[in-house]
């Protein structure tokens, strides 16, 4: 499996995340601050980094920028308690691949890790064409979906909608963002069309699990894939 570096000055959180990631089958190394995290990143050549933003010595933003300037291209997930669009934009512009606001579900972090590792594997021609989110399993090569082990019949557009939501559990996507992922072109359509696709998917998933509720409506914002779990 992957070699993952976790950098956080909160010793308890760092140890808990390391345990969760190890339980998922990965090899984990930890660092207590940005400076030692930088040393570990350059010495260990990890496959992926998880770094806090607010750390003494070298913060997560500066660490991200320094690693990218040095040509280290491993995916980076930033963790922060600052829930603002400015922080998110800054982190992504500096070269981060994903951004998670505390508190978060440990399984959300694991899902983001899987998505980024899969992306890297596909980029380099390796395996990793399956996306799993809770009871949902998506075969990205065959465009086949299963839920709780049962075949889920979907159109290509519905499949793309599931992929968009399941790739980043907990993240709210606007209707415009989902339309872009679903259609993949510049066709002008009504954004509320997303609501129709969501209703269809919910009916199909409820036919398998009557209490299904993972596709959550966020009033005034859009939709997200929300799984039950413990917060980190």
C-alpha atoms as a PDB file:
ATOM      1  CA  UNK A   1       0.000   0.000   0.000  1.00  0.00           C
ATOM      2  CA  UNK A   2       0.996   3.663   0.150  1.00  0.00           C
ATOM      3  CA  UNK A   3       3.571   5.409   2.336  1.00  0.00           C
ATOM      4  CA  UNK A   4       1.844   8.373   4.004  1.00  0.00           C
ATOM      5  CA  UNK A   5       3.325  11.213   6.057  1.00  0.00           C
ATOM      6  CA  UNK A   6       1.118  12.884   8.701  1.00  0.00           C
ATOM      7  CA  UNK A   7       2.310  16.267  10.022  1.00  0.00           C
ATOM      8  CA  UNK A   8       0.508  17.845  12.980  1.00  0.00           C
ATOM      9  CA  UNK A   9       1.622  19.504  16.226  1.00  0.00           C
ATOM     10  CA  UNK A  10      -1.427  18.050  18.011  1.00  0.00           C
ATOM     11  CA  UNK A  11       0.148  14.805  19.217  1.00  0.00           C
ATOM     12  CA  UNK A  12      -3.153  13.166  20.094  1.00  0.00           C
ATOM     13  CA  UNK A  13      -4.761  13.925  16.737  1.00  0.00           C
ATOM     14  CA  UNK A  14      -1.612  12.925  14.876  1.00  0.00           C
ATOM     15  CA  UNK A  15      -1.508   9.544  16.617  1.00  0.00           C
ATOM     16  CA  UNK A  16      -5.232   8.956  16.040  1.00  0.00           C
ATOM     17  CA  UNK A  17      -4.972   9.743  12.328  1.00  0.00           C
ATOM     18  CA  UNK A  18      -1.887   7.560  12.010  1.00  0.00           C
ATOM     19  CA  UNK A  19      -3.766   4.657  13.608  1.00  0.00           C
ATOM     20  CA  UNK A  20      -6.760   5.088  11.274  1.00  0.00           C
ATOM     21  CA  UNK A  21      -4.541   5.268   8.203  1.00  0.00           C
ATOM     22  CA  UNK A  22      -2.540   2.230   9.307  1.00  0.00           C
ATOM     23  CA  UNK A  23      -5.778   0.315   9.866  1.00  0.00           C
ATOM     24  CA  UNK A  24      -6.600   1.098   6.224  1.00  0.00           C
ATOM     25  CA  UNK A  25      -3.458  -0.787   5.217  1.00  0.00           C
ATOM     26  CA  UNK A  26      -0.957   2.018   4.651  1.00  0.00           C
ATOM     27  CA  UNK A  27       2.498   2.665   6.106  1.00  0.00           C
ATOM     28  CA  UNK A  28       2.486   5.851   8.194  1.00  0.00           C
ATOM     29  CA  UNK A  29       5.235   8.208   9.300  1.00  0.00           C
ATOM     30  CA  UNK A  30       4.549  11.241  11.514  1.00  0.00           C
ATOM     31  CA  UNK A  31       6.179  14.594  12.208  1.00  0.00           C
ATOM     32  CA  UNK A  32       5.303  17.051  15.027  1.00  0.00           C
ATOM     33  CA  UNK A  33       5.788  20.315  13.113  1.00  0.00           C
ATOM     34  CA  UNK A  34       6.358  21.796   9.664  1.00  0.00           C
ATOM     35  CA  UNK A  35      10.142  21.917   9.782  1.00  0.00           C
ATOM     36  CA  UNK A  36      10.503  18.263  10.725  1.00  0.00           C
ATOM     37  CA  UNK A  37       7.694  17.469   8.331  1.00  0.00           C
ATOM     38  CA  UNK A  38       9.738  19.044   5.536  1.00  0.00           C
ATOM     39  CA  UNK A  39      12.764  16.964   6.507  1.00  0.00           C
ATOM     40  CA  UNK A  40      10.665  13.798   6.525  1.00  0.00           C
ATOM     41  CA  UNK A  41       9.058  14.624   3.186  1.00  0.00           C
ATOM     42  CA  UNK A  42      12.406  15.119   1.473  1.00  0.00           C
ATOM     43  CA  UNK A  43      13.967  12.075   3.100  1.00  0.00           C
ATOM     44  CA  UNK A  44      11.132   9.536   2.929  1.00  0.00           C
ATOM     45  CA  UNK A  45       9.600  10.402  -0.473  1.00  0.00           C
ATOM     46  CA  UNK A  46       6.044   9.662   0.750  1.00  0.00           C
ATOM     47  CA  UNK A  47       3.249   8.819  -1.670  1.00  0.00           C
ATOM     48  CA  UNK A  48       0.936  11.331   0.052  1.00  0.00           C
ATOM     49  CA  UNK A  49       1.122  13.951   2.808  1.00  0.00           C
ATOM     50  CA  UNK A  50      -1.498  15.025   5.353  1.00  0.00           C
ATOM     51  CA  UNK A  51      -0.519  18.297   7.019  1.00  0.00           C
ATOM     52  CA  UNK A  52      -2.062  20.661   9.523  1.00  0.00           C
ATOM     53  CA  UNK A  53      -2.034  24.356   8.536  1.00  0.00           C
ATOM     54  CA  UNK A  54      -1.500  26.011  11.926  1.00  0.00           C
ATOM     55  CA  UNK A  55       1.886  24.771  13.151  1.00  0.00           C
ATOM     56  CA  UNK A  56       4.896  26.467  14.784  1.00  0.00           C
ATOM     57  CA  UNK A  57       8.075  27.089  12.812  1.00  0.00           C
ATOM     58  CA  UNK A  58       6.730  26.305   9.363  1.00  0.00           C
ATOM     59  CA  UNK A  59       2.974  26.407   8.774  1.00  0.00           C
ATOM     60  CA  UNK A  60       1.149  24.109   6.369  1.00  0.00           C
ATOM     61  CA  UNK A  61       0.803  26.733   3.632  1.00  0.00           C
ATOM     62  CA  UNK A  62       4.530  27.508   3.691  1.00  0.00           C
ATOM     63  CA  UNK A  63       5.374  23.810   3.805  1.00  0.00           C
ATOM     64  CA  UNK A  64       3.190  23.155   0.780  1.00  0.00           C
ATOM     65  CA  UNK A  65       4.766  26.004  -1.191  1.00  0.00           C
ATOM     66  CA  UNK A  66       8.314  24.907  -0.286  1.00  0.00           C
ATOM     67  CA  UNK A  67       7.730  21.293  -1.279  1.00  0.00           C
ATOM     68  CA  UNK A  68       6.256  22.287  -4.635  1.00  0.00           C
ATOM     69  CA  UNK A  69       9.150  24.674  -5.302  1.00  0.00           C
ATOM     70  CA  UNK A  70      11.548  21.789  -4.596  1.00  0.00           C
ATOM     71  CA  UNK A  71       9.773  19.575  -7.105  1.00  0.00           C
ATOM     72  CA  UNK A  72       8.054  17.261  -4.610  1.00  0.00           C
ATOM     73  CA  UNK A  73       4.756  16.475  -6.328  1.00  0.00           C
ATOM     74  CA  UNK A  74       3.171  13.938  -3.945  1.00  0.00           C
ATOM     75  CA  UNK A  75      -0.497  14.780  -3.202  1.00  0.00           C
ATOM     76  CA  UNK A  76      -0.994  17.021  -0.163  1.00  0.00           C
ATOM     77  CA  UNK A  77      -4.119  17.219   2.012  1.00  0.00           C
ATOM     78  CA  UNK A  78      -4.256  20.268   4.308  1.00  0.00           C
ATOM     79  CA  UNK A  79      -6.124  20.218   7.641  1.00  0.00           C
ATOM     80  CA  UNK A  80      -7.284  23.426   9.294  1.00  0.00           C
ATOM     81  CA  UNK A  81      -9.791  24.857  11.729  1.00  0.00           C
ATOM     82  CA  UNK A  82     -10.152  28.018   9.613  1.00  0.00           C
ATOM     83  CA  UNK A  83     -13.286  27.524   7.553  1.00  0.00           C
ATOM     84  CA  UNK A  84     -12.988  30.329   5.001  1.00  0.00           C
ATOM     85  CA  UNK A  85     -12.952  30.406   1.213  1.00  0.00           C
ATOM     86  CA  UNK A  86      -9.812  32.580   1.307  1.00  0.00           C
ATOM     87  CA  UNK A  87      -7.851  29.924   3.156  1.00  0.00           C
ATOM     88  CA  UNK A  88      -9.099  27.204   0.827  1.00  0.00           C
ATOM     89  CA  UNK A  89      -8.205  29.169  -2.298  1.00  0.00           C
ATOM     90  CA  UNK A  90      -4.772  30.008  -0.883  1.00  0.00           C
ATOM     91  CA  UNK A  91      -4.041  26.403   0.017  1.00  0.00           C
ATOM     92  CA  UNK A  92      -5.016  25.116  -3.411  1.00  0.00           C
ATOM     93  CA  UNK A  93      -3.110  27.869  -5.220  1.00  0.00           C
ATOM     94  CA  UNK A  94       0.032  26.938  -3.286  1.00  0.00           C
ATOM     95  CA  UNK A  95      -0.216  23.406  -4.622  1.00  0.00           C
ATOM     96  CA  UNK A  96      -2.368  21.477  -2.144  1.00  0.00           C
ATOM     97  CA  UNK A  97      -4.575  18.777  -3.665  1.00  0.00           C
ATOM     98  CA  UNK A  98      -7.332  18.804  -1.074  1.00  0.00           C
ATOM     99  CA  UNK A  99      -8.437  20.698   1.998  1.00  0.00           C
ATOM    100  CA  UNK A 100     -10.383  19.438   5.048  1.00  0.00           C
ATOM    101  CA  UNK A 101     -11.820  21.637   7.790  1.00  0.00           C
ATOM    102  CA  UNK A 102     -11.743  20.409  11.397  1.00  0.00           C
ATOM    103  CA  UNK A 103     -13.616  18.704  12.934  1.00  0.00           C
ATOM    104  CA  UNK A 104     -14.022  15.975  10.356  1.00  0.00           C
ATOM    105  CA  UNK A 105     -14.893  12.290  10.172  1.00  0.00           C
ATOM    106  CA  UNK A 106     -11.840  10.032  10.028  1.00  0.00           C
ATOM    107  CA  UNK A 107     -13.535   8.095   7.231  1.00  0.00           C
ATOM    108  CA  UNK A 108     -13.780  11.326   5.214  1.00  0.00           C
ATOM    109  CA  UNK A 109      -9.997  11.708   5.372  1.00  0.00           C
ATOM    110  CA  UNK A 110      -9.555   8.064   4.357  1.00  0.00           C
ATOM    111  CA  UNK A 111     -11.908   8.572   1.412  1.00  0.00           C
ATOM    112  CA  UNK A 112      -9.936  11.627   0.262  1.00  0.00           C
ATOM    113  CA  UNK A 113      -6.702   9.646   0.582  1.00  0.00           C
ATOM    114  CA  UNK A 114      -8.135   6.818  -1.508  1.00  0.00           C
ATOM    115  CA  UNK A 115      -9.327   9.260  -4.166  1.00  0.00           C
ATOM    116  CA  UNK A 116      -5.943  10.974  -4.464  1.00  0.00           C
ATOM    117  CA  UNK A 117      -3.996   7.706  -4.501  1.00  0.00           C
ATOM    118  CA  UNK A 118      -6.339   6.353  -7.152  1.00  0.00           C
ATOM    119  CA  UNK A 119      -5.833   9.483  -9.226  1.00  0.00           C
ATOM    120  CA  UNK A 120      -2.071   9.089  -8.996  1.00  0.00           C
ATOM    121  CA  UNK A 121      -2.262   5.393  -9.890  1.00  0.00           C
ATOM    122  CA  UNK A 122      -4.369   6.127 -12.954  1.00  0.00           C
ATOM    123  CA  UNK A 123      -2.059   8.962 -13.959  1.00  0.00           C
ATOM    124  CA  UNK A 124       0.894   6.576 -13.928  1.00  0.00           C
ATOM    125  CA  UNK A 125      -0.931   3.726 -15.602  1.00  0.00           C
ATOM    126  CA  UNK A 126      -1.418   1.626 -12.487  1.00  0.00           C
ATOM    127  CA  UNK A 127      -4.504  -0.050 -11.045  1.00  0.00           C
ATOM    128  CA  UNK A 128      -7.040   1.725  -8.910  1.00  0.00           C
ATOM    129  CA  UNK A 129     -10.189   2.181 -10.977  1.00  0.00           C
ATOM    130  CA  UNK A 130     -12.623   1.446  -8.139  1.00  0.00           C
ATOM    131  CA  UNK A 131     -14.171   4.093  -5.926  1.00  0.00           C
ATOM    132  CA  UNK A 132     -15.669   2.988  -2.607  1.00  0.00           C
ATOM    133  CA  UNK A 133     -17.731   5.194  -0.287  1.00  0.00           C
ATOM    134  CA  UNK A 134     -19.531   3.364   2.512  1.00  0.00           C
ATOM    135  CA  UNK A 135     -21.789   0.774   0.902  1.00  0.00           C
ATOM    136  CA  UNK A 136     -21.292   2.269  -2.557  1.00  0.00           C
ATOM    137  CA  UNK A 137     -18.799   0.740  -4.996  1.00  0.00           C
ATOM    138  CA  UNK A 138     -18.129   2.308  -8.396  1.00  0.00           C
ATOM    139  CA  UNK A 139     -16.147   0.577 -11.148  1.00  0.00           C
ATOM    140  CA  UNK A 140     -14.751   3.558 -13.056  1.00  0.00           C
ATOM    141  CA  UNK A 141     -13.600   1.513 -16.044  1.00  0.00           C
ATOM    142  CA  UNK A 142     -16.842  -0.392 -16.605  1.00  0.00           C
ATOM    143  CA  UNK A 143     -19.144   2.406 -15.387  1.00  0.00           C
ATOM    144  CA  UNK A 144     -20.837  -0.072 -13.062  1.00  0.00           C
ATOM    145  CA  UNK A 145     -22.294   0.776  -9.659  1.00  0.00           C
ATOM    146  CA  UNK A 146     -23.132  -1.446  -6.702  1.00  0.00           C
ATOM    147  CA  UNK A 147     -24.735  -0.566  -3.386  1.00  0.00           C
ATOM    148  CA  UNK A 148     -24.593  -2.945  -0.427  1.00  0.00           C
ATOM    149  CA  UNK A 149     -23.411  -5.563  -2.893  1.00  0.00           C
ATOM    150  CA  UNK A 150     -26.385  -5.191  -5.230  1.00  0.00           C
ATOM    151  CA  UNK A 151     -26.149  -3.978  -8.813  1.00  0.00           C
ATOM    152  CA  UNK A 152     -27.359  -0.390  -9.214  1.00  0.00           C
ATOM    153  CA  UNK A 153     -28.614   0.410 -12.697  1.00  0.00           C
ATOM    154  CA  UNK A 154     -27.625   3.950 -13.677  1.00  0.00           C
ATOM    155  CA  UNK A 155     -27.321   6.093 -16.752  1.00  0.00           C
ATOM    156  CA  UNK A 156     -23.882   7.499 -17.580  1.00  0.00           C
ATOM    157  CA  UNK A 157     -24.962  10.894 -16.237  1.00  0.00           C
ATOM    158  CA  UNK A 158     -26.229   9.381 -12.985  1.00  0.00           C
ATOM    159  CA  UNK A 159     -22.981   7.434 -12.641  1.00  0.00           C
ATOM    160  CA  UNK A 160     -20.949  10.613 -13.063  1.00  0.00           C
ATOM    161  CA  UNK A 161     -23.062  12.304 -10.405  1.00  0.00           C
ATOM    162  CA  UNK A 162     -22.346   9.464  -7.968  1.00  0.00           C
ATOM    163  CA  UNK A 163     -18.618   9.694  -8.696  1.00  0.00           C
ATOM    164  CA  UNK A 164     -18.582  13.451  -8.109  1.00  0.00           C
ATOM    165  CA  UNK A 165     -20.283  13.096  -4.712  1.00  0.00           C
ATOM    166  CA  UNK A 166     -18.544   9.923  -3.513  1.00  0.00           C
ATOM    167  CA  UNK A 167     -15.028  11.097  -4.383  1.00  0.00           C
ATOM    168  CA  UNK A 168     -15.175  13.740  -1.662  1.00  0.00           C
ATOM    169  CA  UNK A 169     -17.528  12.682   1.148  1.00  0.00           C
ATOM    170  CA  UNK A 170     -18.719  15.562   3.295  1.00  0.00           C
ATOM    171  CA  UNK A 171     -17.950  18.235   0.686  1.00  0.00           C
ATOM    172  CA  UNK A 172     -20.895  20.328  -0.491  1.00  0.00           C
ATOM    173  CA  UNK A 173     -21.133  20.683  -4.278  1.00  0.00           C
ATOM    174  CA  UNK A 174     -23.275  23.365  -5.893  1.00  0.00           C
ATOM    175  CA  UNK A 175     -25.634  22.388  -8.690  1.00  0.00           C
ATOM    176  CA  UNK A 176     -23.378  24.172 -11.177  1.00  0.00           C
ATOM    177  CA  UNK A 177     -20.350  22.162 -10.023  1.00  0.00           C
ATOM    178  CA  UNK A 178     -22.248  18.900 -10.280  1.00  0.00           C
ATOM    179  CA  UNK A 179     -23.567  19.753 -13.738  1.00  0.00           C
ATOM    180  CA  UNK A 180     -20.024  20.373 -14.924  1.00  0.00           C
ATOM    181  CA  UNK A 181     -18.927  16.968 -13.610  1.00  0.00           C
ATOM    182  CA  UNK A 182     -22.016  15.176 -14.946  1.00  0.00           C
ATOM    183  CA  UNK A 183     -22.104  16.545 -18.470  1.00  0.00           C
ATOM    184  CA  UNK A 184     -18.482  17.372 -19.222  1.00  0.00           C
ATOM    185  CA  UNK A 185     -19.369  19.987 -21.814  1.00  0.00           C
ATOM    186  CA  UNK A 186     -20.468  23.602 -22.105  1.00  0.00           C
ATOM    187  CA  UNK A 187     -24.112  22.867 -22.903  1.00  0.00           C
ATOM    188  CA  UNK A 188     -26.402  25.429 -21.317  1.00  0.00           C
ATOM    189  CA  UNK A 189     -28.952  23.678 -19.118  1.00  0.00           C
ATOM    190  CA  UNK A 190     -31.055  24.555 -16.097  1.00  0.00           C
ATOM    191  CA  UNK A 191     -29.136  23.849 -12.874  1.00  0.00           C
ATOM    192  CA  UNK A 192     -32.282  22.414 -11.259  1.00  0.00           C
ATOM    193  CA  UNK A 193     -31.867  19.462 -13.612  1.00  0.00           C
ATOM    194  CA  UNK A 194     -29.492  18.158 -10.956  1.00  0.00           C
ATOM    195  CA  UNK A 195     -32.447  17.837  -8.583  1.00  0.00           C
ATOM    196  CA  UNK A 196     -34.127  15.478 -11.024  1.00  0.00           C
ATOM    197  CA  UNK A 197     -31.063  13.241 -11.244  1.00  0.00           C
ATOM    198  CA  UNK A 198     -30.699  13.235  -7.462  1.00  0.00           C
ATOM    199  CA  UNK A 199     -34.340  12.181  -7.026  1.00  0.00           C
ATOM    200  CA  UNK A 200     -33.865   9.339  -9.505  1.00  0.00           C
ATOM    201  CA  UNK A 201     -30.733   8.116  -7.746  1.00  0.00           C
ATOM    202  CA  UNK A 202     -32.373   8.298  -4.340  1.00  0.00           C
ATOM    203  CA  UNK A 203     -35.300   6.181  -5.549  1.00  0.00           C
ATOM    204  CA  UNK A 204     -32.934   3.558  -6.954  1.00  0.00           C
ATOM    205  CA  UNK A 205     -30.837   3.466  -3.788  1.00  0.00           C
ATOM    206  CA  UNK A 206     -33.913   3.399  -1.540  1.00  0.00           C
ATOM    207  CA  UNK A 207     -35.109   0.357  -3.471  1.00  0.00           C
ATOM    208  CA  UNK A 208     -32.014  -1.390  -2.081  1.00  0.00           C
ATOM    209  CA  UNK A 209     -31.967   0.301   1.332  1.00  0.00           C
ATOM    210  CA  UNK A 210     -35.271   1.976   2.318  1.00  0.00           C
ATOM    211  CA  UNK A 211     -33.503   4.111   4.942  1.00  0.00           C
ATOM    212  CA  UNK A 212     -30.866   5.362   2.492  1.00  0.00           C
ATOM    213  CA  UNK A 213     -29.857   8.964   3.238  1.00  0.00           C
ATOM    214  CA  UNK A 214     -26.226   9.397   2.179  1.00  0.00           C
ATOM    215  CA  UNK A 215     -27.051  11.938  -0.539  1.00  0.00           C
ATOM    216  CA  UNK A 216     -27.804  14.910   1.660  1.00  0.00           C
ATOM    217  CA  UNK A 217     -29.449  18.157   0.545  1.00  0.00           C
ATOM    218  CA  UNK A 218     -27.756  21.285   1.918  1.00  0.00           C
ATOM    219  CA  UNK A 219     -30.410  23.989   1.644  1.00  0.00           C
ATOM    220  CA  UNK A 220     -29.245  26.952  -0.395  1.00  0.00           C
ATOM    221  CA  UNK A 221     -25.950  25.298  -1.298  1.00  0.00           C
ATOM    222  CA  UNK A 222     -26.291  21.967  -3.091  1.00  0.00           C
ATOM    223  CA  UNK A 223     -25.622  18.316  -2.256  1.00  0.00           C
ATOM    224  CA  UNK A 224     -23.053  16.156  -0.508  1.00  0.00           C
ATOM    225  CA  UNK A 225     -22.380  12.489   0.202  1.00  0.00           C
ATOM    226  CA  UNK A 226     -22.560  12.167   3.975  1.00  0.00           C
ATOM    227  CA  UNK A 227     -21.605   9.020   5.835  1.00  0.00           C
ATOM    228  CA  UNK A 228     -22.139   8.276   9.493  1.00  0.00           C
ATOM    229  CA  UNK A 229     -18.962   8.063  11.503  1.00  0.00           C
ATOM    230  CA  UNK A 230     -16.896   9.401  14.352  1.00  0.00           C
ATOM    231  CA  UNK A 231     -15.394  12.882  14.193  1.00  0.00           C
ATOM    232  CA  UNK A 232     -11.657  13.419  14.432  1.00  0.00           C
END
